PDB file of N, CA and C in Angstrom:
ATOM      1  N   UNK A   1      -3.974  19.357  23.384  1.00  0.00           N
ATOM      2  CA  UNK A   1      -3.534  18.130  22.756  1.00  0.00           C
ATOM      3  C   UNK A   1      -4.661  17.098  22.865  1.00  0.00           C
ATOM      4  N   UNK A   2      -5.019  16.521  21.739  1.00  0.00           N
ATOM      5  CA  UNK A   2      -6.093  15.533  21.710  1.00  0.00           C
ATOM      6  C   UNK A   2      -5.541  14.134  21.939  1.00  0.00           C
ATOM      7  N   UNK A   3      -6.387  13.288  22.486  1.00  0.00           N
ATOM      8  CA  UNK A   3      -5.990  11.891  22.653  1.00  0.00           C
ATOM      9  C   UNK A   3      -6.284  11.121  21.366  1.00  0.00           C
ATOM     10  N   UNK A   4      -5.552  10.052  21.161  1.00  0.00           N
ATOM     11  CA  UNK A   4      -5.724   9.193  19.985  1.00  0.00           C
ATOM     12  C   UNK A   4      -6.406   7.910  20.432  1.00  0.00           C
ATOM     13  N   UNK A   5      -7.449   7.537  19.712  1.00  0.00           N
ATOM     14  CA  UNK A   5      -8.144   6.281  19.973  1.00  0.00           C
ATOM     15  C   UNK A   5      -8.115   5.455  18.694  1.00  0.00           C
ATOM     16  N   UNK A   6      -7.591   4.245  18.773  1.00  0.00           N
ATOM     17  CA  UNK A   6      -7.573   3.328  17.628  1.00  0.00           C
ATOM     18  C   UNK A   6      -8.824   2.449  17.693  1.00  0.00           C
ATOM     19  N   UNK A   7      -9.570   2.403  16.620  1.00  0.00           N
ATOM     20  CA  UNK A   7     -10.741   1.528  16.558  1.00  0.00           C
ATOM     21  C   UNK A   7     -10.262   0.071  16.549  1.00  0.00           C
ATOM     22  N   UNK A   8     -11.114  -0.859  16.956  1.00  0.00           N
ATOM     23  CA  UNK A   8     -10.719  -2.272  16.918  1.00  0.00           C
ATOM     24  C   UNK A   8     -10.298  -2.735  15.511  1.00  0.00           C
ATOM     25  N   UNK A   9     -10.995  -2.254  14.498  1.00  0.00           N
ATOM     26  CA  UNK A   9     -10.643  -2.620  13.127  1.00  0.00           C
ATOM     27  C   UNK A   9      -9.279  -2.087  12.712  1.00  0.00           C
ATOM     28  N   UNK A  10      -8.977  -0.868  13.127  1.00  0.00           N
ATOM     29  CA  UNK A  10      -7.677  -0.277  12.810  1.00  0.00           C
ATOM     30  C   UNK A  10      -6.554  -1.025  13.531  1.00  0.00           C
ATOM     31  N   UNK A  11      -6.795  -1.380  14.790  1.00  0.00           N
ATOM     32  CA  UNK A  11      -5.797  -2.153  15.545  1.00  0.00           C
ATOM     33  C   UNK A  11      -5.543  -3.494  14.873  1.00  0.00           C
ATOM     34  N   UNK A  12      -6.625  -4.150  14.451  1.00  0.00           N
ATOM     35  CA  UNK A  12      -6.490  -5.458  13.801  1.00  0.00           C
ATOM     36  C   UNK A  12      -5.724  -5.335  12.487  1.00  0.00           C
ATOM     37  N   UNK A  13      -6.012  -4.297  11.704  1.00  0.00           N
ATOM     38  CA  UNK A  13      -5.308  -4.094  10.435  1.00  0.00           C
ATOM     39  C   UNK A  13      -3.822  -3.813  10.677  1.00  0.00           C
ATOM     40  N   UNK A  14      -3.514  -3.018  11.694  1.00  0.00           N
ATOM     41  CA  UNK A  14      -2.122  -2.735  12.028  1.00  0.00           C
ATOM     42  C   UNK A  14      -1.408  -4.010  12.470  1.00  0.00           C
ATOM     43  N   UNK A  15      -2.045  -4.783  13.335  1.00  0.00           N
ATOM     44  CA  UNK A  15      -1.450  -6.043  13.807  1.00  0.00           C
ATOM     45  C   UNK A  15      -1.193  -7.003  12.652  1.00  0.00           C
ATOM     46  N   UNK A  16      -2.155  -7.100  11.750  1.00  0.00           N
ATOM     47  CA  UNK A  16      -2.015  -7.987  10.594  1.00  0.00           C
ATOM     48  C   UNK A  16      -0.849  -7.532   9.706  1.00  0.00           C
ATOM     49  N   UNK A  17      -0.735  -6.241   9.508  1.00  0.00           N
ATOM     50  CA  UNK A  17       0.368  -5.695   8.715  1.00  0.00           C
ATOM     51  C   UNK A  17       1.704  -5.965   9.392  1.00  0.00           C
ATOM     52  N   UNK A  18       1.760  -5.791  10.698  1.00  0.00           N
ATOM     53  CA  UNK A  18       2.997  -6.039  11.443  1.00  0.00           C
ATOM     54  C   UNK A  18       3.433  -7.505  11.309  1.00  0.00           C
ATOM     55  N   UNK A  19       2.470  -8.418  11.420  1.00  0.00           N
ATOM     56  CA  UNK A  19       2.789  -9.843  11.269  1.00  0.00           C
ATOM     57  C   UNK A  19       3.318 -10.147   9.873  1.00  0.00           C
ATOM     58  N   UNK A  20       2.688  -9.556   8.861  1.00  0.00           N
ATOM     59  CA  UNK A  20       3.131  -9.764   7.488  1.00  0.00           C
ATOM     60  C   UNK A  20       4.542  -9.220   7.284  1.00  0.00           C
ATOM     61  N   UNK A  21       4.789  -8.009   7.754  1.00  0.00           N
ATOM     62  CA  UNK A  21       6.102  -7.382   7.594  1.00  0.00           C
ATOM     63  C   UNK A  21       7.183  -8.238   8.263  1.00  0.00           C
ATOM     64  N   UNK A  22       6.895  -8.711   9.457  1.00  0.00           N
ATOM     65  CA  UNK A  22       7.880  -9.532  10.164  1.00  0.00           C
ATOM     66  C   UNK A  22       8.138 -10.847   9.428  1.00  0.00           C
ATOM     67  N   UNK A  23       7.082 -11.471   8.930  1.00  0.00           N
ATOM     68  CA  UNK A  23       7.240 -12.743   8.221  1.00  0.00           C
ATOM     69  C   UNK A  23       8.017 -12.574   6.915  1.00  0.00           C
ATOM     70  N   UNK A  24       7.769 -11.493   6.210  1.00  0.00           N
ATOM     71  CA  UNK A  24       8.394 -11.289   4.899  1.00  0.00           C
ATOM     72  C   UNK A  24       9.761 -10.604   4.969  1.00  0.00           C
ATOM     73  N   UNK A  25       9.926  -9.669   5.923  1.00  0.00           N
ATOM     74  CA  UNK A  25      11.123  -8.831   5.913  1.00  0.00           C
ATOM     75  C   UNK A  25      11.920  -8.856   7.213  1.00  0.00           C
ATOM     76  N   UNK A  26      11.390  -9.499   8.232  1.00  0.00           N
ATOM     77  CA  UNK A  26      12.129  -9.647   9.478  1.00  0.00           C
ATOM     78  C   UNK A  26      11.688  -8.702  10.585  1.00  0.00           C
ATOM     79  N   UNK A  27      12.242  -8.981  11.750  1.00  0.00           N
ATOM     80  CA  UNK A  27      11.882  -8.237  12.957  1.00  0.00           C
ATOM     81  C   UNK A  27      12.284  -6.763  12.856  1.00  0.00           C
ATOM     82  N   UNK A  28      13.445  -6.482  12.284  1.00  0.00           N
ATOM     83  CA  UNK A  28      13.899  -5.094  12.188  1.00  0.00           C
ATOM     84  C   UNK A  28      12.938  -4.248  11.358  1.00  0.00           C
ATOM     85  N   UNK A  29      12.414  -4.811  10.279  1.00  0.00           N
ATOM     86  CA  UNK A  29      11.462  -4.074   9.445  1.00  0.00           C
ATOM     87  C   UNK A  29      10.171  -3.796  10.215  1.00  0.00           C
ATOM     88  N   UNK A  30       9.711  -4.776  10.993  1.00  0.00           N
ATOM     89  CA  UNK A  30       8.513  -4.583  11.808  1.00  0.00           C
ATOM     90  C   UNK A  30       8.743  -3.489  12.843  1.00  0.00           C
ATOM     91  N   UNK A  31       9.908  -3.489  13.461  1.00  0.00           N
ATOM     92  CA  UNK A  31      10.234  -2.471  14.469  1.00  0.00           C
ATOM     93  C   UNK A  31      10.276  -1.082  13.835  1.00  0.00           C
ATOM     94  N   UNK A  32      10.843  -0.968  12.635  1.00  0.00           N
ATOM     95  CA  UNK A  32      10.885   0.330  11.944  1.00  0.00           C
ATOM     96  C   UNK A  32       9.476   0.841  11.650  1.00  0.00           C
ATOM     97  N   UNK A  33       8.595  -0.062  11.192  1.00  0.00           N
ATOM     98  CA  UNK A  33       7.210   0.341  10.927  1.00  0.00           C
ATOM     99  C   UNK A  33       6.525   0.773  12.218  1.00  0.00           C
ATOM    100  N   UNK A  34       6.730   0.029  13.275  1.00  0.00           N
ATOM    101  CA  UNK A  34       6.116   0.361  14.562  1.00  0.00           C
ATOM    102  C   UNK A  34       6.571   1.738  15.051  1.00  0.00           C
ATOM    103  N   UNK A  35       7.860   2.032  14.907  1.00  0.00           N
ATOM    104  CA  UNK A  35       8.380   3.347  15.311  1.00  0.00           C
ATOM    105  C   UNK A  35       7.763   4.463  14.476  1.00  0.00           C
ATOM    106  N   UNK A  36       7.603   4.217  13.181  1.00  0.00           N
ATOM    107  CA  UNK A  36       7.021   5.231  12.311  1.00  0.00           C
ATOM    108  C   UNK A  36       5.549   5.475  12.661  1.00  0.00           C
ATOM    109  N   UNK A  37       4.815   4.413  12.965  1.00  0.00           N
ATOM    110  CA  UNK A  37       3.410   4.568  13.368  1.00  0.00           C
ATOM    111  C   UNK A  37       3.333   5.380  14.660  1.00  0.00           C
ATOM    112  N   UNK A  38       4.205   5.104  15.605  1.00  0.00           N
ATOM    113  CA  UNK A  38       4.234   5.878  16.850  1.00  0.00           C
ATOM    114  C   UNK A  38       4.559   7.350  16.586  1.00  0.00           C
ATOM    115  N   UNK A  39       5.517   7.592  15.690  1.00  0.00           N
ATOM    116  CA  UNK A  39       5.907   8.963  15.362  1.00  0.00           C
ATOM    117  C   UNK A  39       4.726   9.740  14.782  1.00  0.00           C
ATOM    118  N   UNK A  40       4.016   9.115  13.827  1.00  0.00           N
ATOM    119  CA  UNK A  40       2.856   9.764  13.214  1.00  0.00           C
ATOM    120  C   UNK A  40       1.758   9.958  14.259  1.00  0.00           C
ATOM    121  N   UNK A  41       1.554   8.968  15.101  1.00  0.00           N
ATOM    122  CA  UNK A  41       0.566   9.057  16.181  1.00  0.00           C
ATOM    123  C   UNK A  41       0.841  10.287  17.050  1.00  0.00           C
ATOM    124  N   UNK A  42       2.103  10.481  17.431  1.00  0.00           N
ATOM    125  CA  UNK A  42       2.474  11.636  18.256  1.00  0.00           C
ATOM    126  C   UNK A  42       2.304  12.953  17.512  1.00  0.00           C
ATOM    127  N   UNK A  43       2.604  12.966  16.227  1.00  0.00           N
ATOM    128  CA  UNK A  43       2.396  14.175  15.427  1.00  0.00           C
ATOM    129  C   UNK A  43       0.916  14.548  15.369  1.00  0.00           C
ATOM    130  N   UNK A  44       0.051  13.546  15.225  1.00  0.00           N
ATOM    131  CA  UNK A  44      -1.386  13.809  15.141  1.00  0.00           C
ATOM    132  C   UNK A  44      -1.940  14.398  16.433  1.00  0.00           C
ATOM    133  N   UNK A  45      -1.374  14.007  17.566  1.00  0.00           N
ATOM    134  CA  UNK A  45      -1.838  14.540  18.852  1.00  0.00           C
ATOM    135  C   UNK A  45      -1.740  16.063  18.891  1.00  0.00           C
ATOM    136  N   UNK A  46      -0.658  16.588  18.358  1.00  0.00           N
ATOM    137  CA  UNK A  46      -0.438  18.030  18.421  1.00  0.00           C
ATOM    138  C   UNK A  46      -0.885  18.757  17.156  1.00  0.00           C
ATOM    139  N   UNK A  47      -1.059  18.018  16.064  1.00  0.00           N
ATOM    140  CA  UNK A  47      -1.449  18.628  14.803  1.00  0.00           C
ATOM    141  C   UNK A  47      -2.485  17.746  14.093  1.00  0.00           C
ATOM    142  N   UNK A  48      -3.738  17.754  14.563  1.00  0.00           N
ATOM    143  CA  UNK A  48      -4.761  16.874  14.007  1.00  0.00           C
ATOM    144  C   UNK A  48      -5.031  17.076  12.515  1.00  0.00           C
ATOM    145  N   UNK A  49      -4.784  18.263  12.015  1.00  0.00           N
ATOM    146  CA  UNK A  49      -5.038  18.544  10.598  1.00  0.00           C
ATOM    147  C   UNK A  49      -3.856  18.162   9.709  1.00  0.00           C
ATOM    148  N   UNK A  50      -2.925  17.395  10.240  1.00  0.00           N
ATOM    149  CA  UNK A  50      -1.715  17.020   9.514  1.00  0.00           C
ATOM    150  C   UNK A  50      -2.012  16.371   8.167  1.00  0.00           C
ATOM    151  N   UNK A  51      -2.929  15.422   8.151  1.00  0.00           N
ATOM    152  CA  UNK A  51      -3.236  14.719   6.908  1.00  0.00           C
ATOM    153  C   UNK A  51      -4.317  15.416   6.114  1.00  0.00           C
ATOM    154  N   UNK A  52      -4.218  15.329   4.791  1.00  0.00           N
ATOM    155  CA  UNK A  52      -5.272  15.921   3.955  1.00  0.00           C
ATOM    156  C   UNK A  52      -6.561  15.103   4.047  1.00  0.00           C
ATOM    157  N   UNK A  53      -7.642  15.679   3.582  1.00  0.00           N
ATOM    158  CA  UNK A  53      -8.909  14.943   3.529  1.00  0.00           C
ATOM    159  C   UNK A  53      -8.714  13.762   2.588  1.00  0.00           C
ATOM    160  N   UNK A  54      -9.164  12.581   3.007  1.00  0.00           N
ATOM    161  CA  UNK A  54      -9.010  11.364   2.201  1.00  0.00           C
ATOM    162  C   UNK A  54      -9.998  11.408   1.040  1.00  0.00           C
ATOM    163  N   UNK A  55      -9.504  11.483  -0.206  1.00  0.00           N
ATOM    164  CA  UNK A  55     -10.398  11.628  -1.361  1.00  0.00           C
ATOM    165  C   UNK A  55     -11.332  10.433  -1.577  1.00  0.00           C
ATOM    166  N   UNK A  56     -10.913   9.235  -1.187  1.00  0.00           N
ATOM    167  CA  UNK A  56     -11.771   8.057  -1.361  1.00  0.00           C
ATOM    168  C   UNK A  56     -12.990   8.085  -0.438  1.00  0.00           C
ATOM    169  N   UNK A  57     -12.936   8.929   0.597  1.00  0.00           N
ATOM    170  CA  UNK A  57     -14.020   8.982   1.582  1.00  0.00           C
ATOM    171  C   UNK A  57     -14.684  10.355   1.625  1.00  0.00           C
ATOM    172  N   UNK A  58     -14.444  11.165   0.619  1.00  0.00           N
ATOM    173  CA  UNK A  58     -14.951  12.539   0.614  1.00  0.00           C
ATOM    174  C   UNK A  58     -16.470  12.624   0.565  1.00  0.00           C
ATOM    175  N   UNK A  59     -17.145  11.575   0.106  1.00  0.00           N
ATOM    176  CA  UNK A  59     -18.603  11.612  -0.004  1.00  0.00           C
ATOM    177  C   UNK A  59     -19.317  11.253   1.299  1.00  0.00           C
ATOM    178  N   UNK A  60     -18.583  10.922   2.339  1.00  0.00           N
ATOM    179  CA  UNK A  60     -19.190  10.549   3.622  1.00  0.00           C
ATOM    180  C   UNK A  60     -19.482  11.789   4.466  1.00  0.00           C
ATOM    181  N   UNK A  61     -20.454  11.700   5.371  1.00  0.00           N
ATOM    182  CA  UNK A  61     -20.773  12.861   6.210  1.00  0.00           C
ATOM    183  C   UNK A  61     -19.661  13.212   7.209  1.00  0.00           C
ATOM    184  N   UNK A  62     -18.876  12.213   7.612  1.00  0.00           N
ATOM    185  CA  UNK A  62     -17.741  12.454   8.501  1.00  0.00           C
ATOM    186  C   UNK A  62     -16.529  12.775   7.633  1.00  0.00           C
ATOM    187  N   UNK A  63     -15.744  13.751   8.031  1.00  0.00           N
ATOM    188  CA  UNK A  63     -14.554  14.117   7.264  1.00  0.00           C
ATOM    189  C   UNK A  63     -13.388  13.255   7.741  1.00  0.00           C
ATOM    190  N   UNK A  64     -12.889  12.422   6.828  1.00  0.00           N
ATOM    191  CA  UNK A  64     -11.751  11.556   7.127  1.00  0.00           C
ATOM    192  C   UNK A  64     -10.480  12.160   6.538  1.00  0.00           C
ATOM    193  N   UNK A  65      -9.408  12.050   7.299  1.00  0.00           N
ATOM    194  CA  UNK A  65      -8.085  12.475   6.865  1.00  0.00           C
ATOM    195  C   UNK A  65      -7.201  11.231   6.786  1.00  0.00           C
ATOM    196  N   UNK A  66      -6.075  11.344   6.102  1.00  0.00           N
ATOM    197  CA  UNK A  66      -5.132  10.221   6.068  1.00  0.00           C
ATOM    198  C   UNK A  66      -3.703  10.722   6.027  1.00  0.00           C
ATOM    199  N   UNK A  67      -2.829   9.915   6.604  1.00  0.00           N
ATOM    200  CA  UNK A  67      -1.393  10.199   6.606  1.00  0.00           C
ATOM    201  C   UNK A  67      -0.689   8.944   6.099  1.00  0.00           C
ATOM    202  N   UNK A  68       0.196   9.119   5.129  1.00  0.00           N
ATOM    203  CA  UNK A  68       0.951   7.993   4.590  1.00  0.00           C
ATOM    204  C   UNK A  68       2.066   7.626   5.562  1.00  0.00           C
ATOM    205  N   UNK A  69       2.200   6.310   5.783  1.00  0.00           N
ATOM    206  CA  UNK A  69       3.233   5.777   6.669  1.00  0.00           C
ATOM    207  C   UNK A  69       4.087   4.807   5.864  1.00  0.00           C
ATOM    208  N   UNK A  70       5.362   5.081   5.774  1.00  0.00           N
ATOM    209  CA  UNK A  70       6.304   4.195   5.070  1.00  0.00           C
ATOM    210  C   UNK A  70       5.878   3.894   3.633  1.00  0.00           C
ATOM    211  N   UNK A  71       5.353   4.843   2.930  1.00  0.00           N
ATOM    212  CA  UNK A  71       4.989   4.805   1.511  1.00  0.00           C
ATOM    213  C   UNK A  71       3.897   3.802   1.133  1.00  0.00           C
ATOM    214  N   UNK A  72       3.681   2.750   1.891  1.00  0.00           N
ATOM    215  CA  UNK A  72       2.737   1.715   1.478  1.00  0.00           C
ATOM    216  C   UNK A  72       1.511   1.592   2.369  1.00  0.00           C
ATOM    217  N   UNK A  73       1.417   2.416   3.387  1.00  0.00           N
ATOM    218  CA  UNK A  73       0.281   2.340   4.310  1.00  0.00           C
ATOM    219  C   UNK A  73      -0.233   3.738   4.618  1.00  0.00           C
ATOM    220  N   UNK A  74      -1.511   3.780   4.988  1.00  0.00           N
ATOM    221  CA  UNK A  74      -2.134   5.041   5.394  1.00  0.00           C
ATOM    222  C   UNK A  74      -2.832   4.840   6.725  1.00  0.00           C
ATOM    223  N   UNK A  75      -2.687   5.823   7.582  1.00  0.00           N
ATOM    224  CA  UNK A  75      -3.511   5.900   8.782  1.00  0.00           C
ATOM    225  C   UNK A  75      -4.687   6.789   8.410  1.00  0.00           C
ATOM    226  N   UNK A  76      -5.889   6.233   8.503  1.00  0.00           N
ATOM    227  CA  UNK A  76      -7.110   6.968   8.172  1.00  0.00           C
ATOM    228  C   UNK A  76      -7.794   7.322   9.490  1.00  0.00           C
ATOM    229  N   UNK A  77      -8.147   8.605   9.648  1.00  0.00           N
ATOM    230  CA  UNK A  77      -8.690   9.057  10.924  1.00  0.00           C
ATOM    231  C   UNK A  77      -9.696  10.175  10.730  1.00  0.00           C
ATOM    232  N   UNK A  78     -10.486  10.405  11.786  1.00  0.00           N
ATOM    233  CA  UNK A  78     -11.339  11.582  11.802  1.00  0.00           C
ATOM    234  C   UNK A  78     -11.182  12.274  13.155  1.00  0.00           C
ATOM    235  N   UNK A  79     -11.511  13.545  13.154  1.00  0.00           N
ATOM    236  CA  UNK A  79     -11.295  14.395  14.322  1.00  0.00           C
ATOM    237  C   UNK A  79     -12.634  14.699  14.967  1.00  0.00           C
ATOM    238  N   UNK A  80     -12.724  14.458  16.271  1.00  0.00           N
ATOM    239  CA  UNK A  80     -13.927  14.852  17.012  1.00  0.00           C
ATOM    240  C   UNK A  80     -13.540  15.994  17.960  1.00  0.00           C
ATOM    241  N   UNK A  81     -14.492  16.459  18.720  1.00  0.00           N
ATOM    242  CA  UNK A  81     -14.225  17.553  19.660  1.00  0.00           C
ATOM    243  C   UNK A  81     -13.206  17.158  20.726  1.00  0.00           C
ATOM    244  N   UNK A  82     -13.250  15.892  21.159  1.00  0.00           N
ATOM    245  CA  UNK A  82     -12.430  15.472  22.294  1.00  0.00           C
ATOM    246  C   UNK A  82     -11.232  14.601  21.937  1.00  0.00           C
ATOM    247  N   UNK A  83     -11.254  13.982  20.764  1.00  0.00           N
ATOM    248  CA  UNK A  83     -10.187  13.039  20.438  1.00  0.00           C
ATOM    249  C   UNK A  83     -10.037  12.869  18.920  1.00  0.00           C
ATOM    250  N   UNK A  84      -9.045  12.098  18.549  1.00  0.00           N
ATOM    251  CA  UNK A  84      -8.836  11.704  17.160  1.00  0.00           C
ATOM    252  C   UNK A  84      -9.036  10.201  17.115  1.00  0.00           C
ATOM    253  N   UNK A  85      -9.906   9.753  16.233  1.00  0.00           N
ATOM    254  CA  UNK A  85     -10.136   8.309  16.121  1.00  0.00           C
ATOM    255  C   UNK A  85      -9.476   7.780  14.853  1.00  0.00           C
ATOM    256  N   UNK A  86      -8.559   6.839  15.053  1.00  0.00           N
ATOM    257  CA  UNK A  86      -7.947   6.144  13.923  1.00  0.00           C
ATOM    258  C   UNK A  86      -8.961   5.098  13.482  1.00  0.00           C
ATOM    259  N   UNK A  87      -9.469   5.262  12.266  1.00  0.00           N
ATOM    260  CA  UNK A  87     -10.528   4.393  11.767  1.00  0.00           C
ATOM    261  C   UNK A  87     -10.003   3.168  11.051  1.00  0.00           C
ATOM    262  N   UNK A  88      -8.843   3.307  10.402  1.00  0.00           N
ATOM    263  CA  UNK A  88      -8.297   2.170   9.668  1.00  0.00           C
ATOM    264  C   UNK A  88      -6.819   2.375   9.386  1.00  0.00           C
ATOM    265  N   UNK A  89      -6.159   1.287   9.092  1.00  0.00           N
ATOM    266  CA  UNK A  89      -4.755   1.265   8.684  1.00  0.00           C
ATOM    267  C   UNK A  89      -4.736   0.544   7.349  1.00  0.00           C
ATOM    268  N   UNK A  90      -4.563   1.297   6.266  1.00  0.00           N
ATOM    269  CA  UNK A  90      -4.698   0.766   4.907  1.00  0.00           C
ATOM    270  C   UNK A  90      -3.370   0.427   4.271  1.00  0.00           C
ATOM    271  N   UNK A  91      -3.370  -0.665   3.538  1.00  0.00           N
ATOM    272  CA  UNK A  91      -2.287  -0.980   2.614  1.00  0.00           C
ATOM    273  C   UNK A  91      -2.701  -0.328   1.296  1.00  0.00           C
ATOM    274  N   UNK A  92      -1.964   0.643   0.825  1.00  0.00           N
ATOM    275  CA  UNK A  92      -2.384   1.429  -0.332  1.00  0.00           C
ATOM    276  C   UNK A  92      -2.298   0.667  -1.647  1.00  0.00           C
ATOM    277  N   UNK A  93      -1.737  -0.534  -1.636  1.00  0.00           N
ATOM    278  CA  UNK A  93      -1.657  -1.329  -2.860  1.00  0.00           C
ATOM    279  C   UNK A  93      -2.965  -2.062  -3.158  1.00  0.00           C
ATOM    280  N   UNK A  94      -3.886  -2.065  -2.234  1.00  0.00           N
ATOM    281  CA  UNK A  94      -5.174  -2.724  -2.441  1.00  0.00           C
ATOM    282  C   UNK A  94      -6.074  -1.866  -3.321  1.00  0.00           C
ATOM    283  N   UNK A  95      -7.149  -2.491  -3.811  1.00  0.00           N
ATOM    284  CA  UNK A  95      -8.123  -1.782  -4.635  1.00  0.00           C
ATOM    285  C   UNK A  95      -8.789  -0.669  -3.823  1.00  0.00           C
ATOM    286  N   UNK A  96      -8.903   0.525  -4.379  1.00  0.00           N
ATOM    287  CA  UNK A  96      -9.503   1.650  -3.632  1.00  0.00           C
ATOM    288  C   UNK A  96     -10.917   1.374  -3.140  1.00  0.00           C
ATOM    289  N   UNK A  97     -11.723   0.671  -3.922  1.00  0.00           N
ATOM    290  CA  UNK A  97     -13.099   0.388  -3.501  1.00  0.00           C
ATOM    291  C   UNK A  97     -13.116  -0.466  -2.233  1.00  0.00           C
ATOM    292  N   UNK A  98     -12.203  -1.429  -2.141  1.00  0.00           N
ATOM    293  CA  UNK A  98     -12.103  -2.276  -0.961  1.00  0.00           C
ATOM    294  C   UNK A  98     -11.730  -1.442   0.252  1.00  0.00           C
ATOM    295  N   UNK A  99     -10.830  -0.515   0.065  1.00  0.00           N
ATOM    296  CA  UNK A  99     -10.379   0.322   1.167  1.00  0.00           C
ATOM    297  C   UNK A  99     -11.510   1.197   1.691  1.00  0.00           C
ATOM    298  N   UNK A 100     -12.258   1.821   0.773  1.00  0.00           N
ATOM    299  CA  UNK A 100     -13.320   2.725   1.231  1.00  0.00           C
ATOM    300  C   UNK A 100     -14.454   1.964   1.903  1.00  0.00           C
ATOM    301  N   UNK A 101     -14.689   0.730   1.529  1.00  0.00           N
ATOM    302  CA  UNK A 101     -15.741  -0.080   2.169  1.00  0.00           C
ATOM    303  C   UNK A 101     -15.362  -0.456   3.596  1.00  0.00           C
ATOM    304  N   UNK A 102     -14.083  -0.552   3.888  1.00  0.00           N
ATOM    305  CA  UNK A 102     -13.666  -0.951   5.231  1.00  0.00           C
ATOM    306  C   UNK A 102     -13.960   0.132   6.269  1.00  0.00           C
ATOM    307  N   UNK A 103     -14.085   1.375   5.845  1.00  0.00           N
ATOM    308  CA  UNK A 103     -14.382   2.477   6.756  1.00  0.00           C
ATOM    309  C   UNK A 103     -15.874   2.730   6.851  1.00  0.00           C
ATOM    310  N   UNK A 104     -16.592   2.535   5.756  1.00  0.00           N
ATOM    311  CA  UNK A 104     -18.029   2.857   5.708  1.00  0.00           C
ATOM    312  C   UNK A 104     -18.853   1.948   6.573  1.00  0.00           C
TER     313      UNK A 104
END
């Protein structure tokens, strides 16, 4: 089982999303998103290949995967020998070019 490491940028994006969700939809919606992120996090520990290769980042030397969370967000990550690094937490409604620049 690999450990999960969230990059500072990914943590910040997740925190920002949580604040937005709570402000717009309430505490219960934020809690549901948080539970889903934890669930996916635990799935990745035991099954790192869970997400497909992220097509927006296919041209990079590092292979990035992504898993959709609650239809509107993606956890973007790459797999190393010792751990899984969560590189970003994307809102999929944004422009794809903006999203790919945040990881590069």
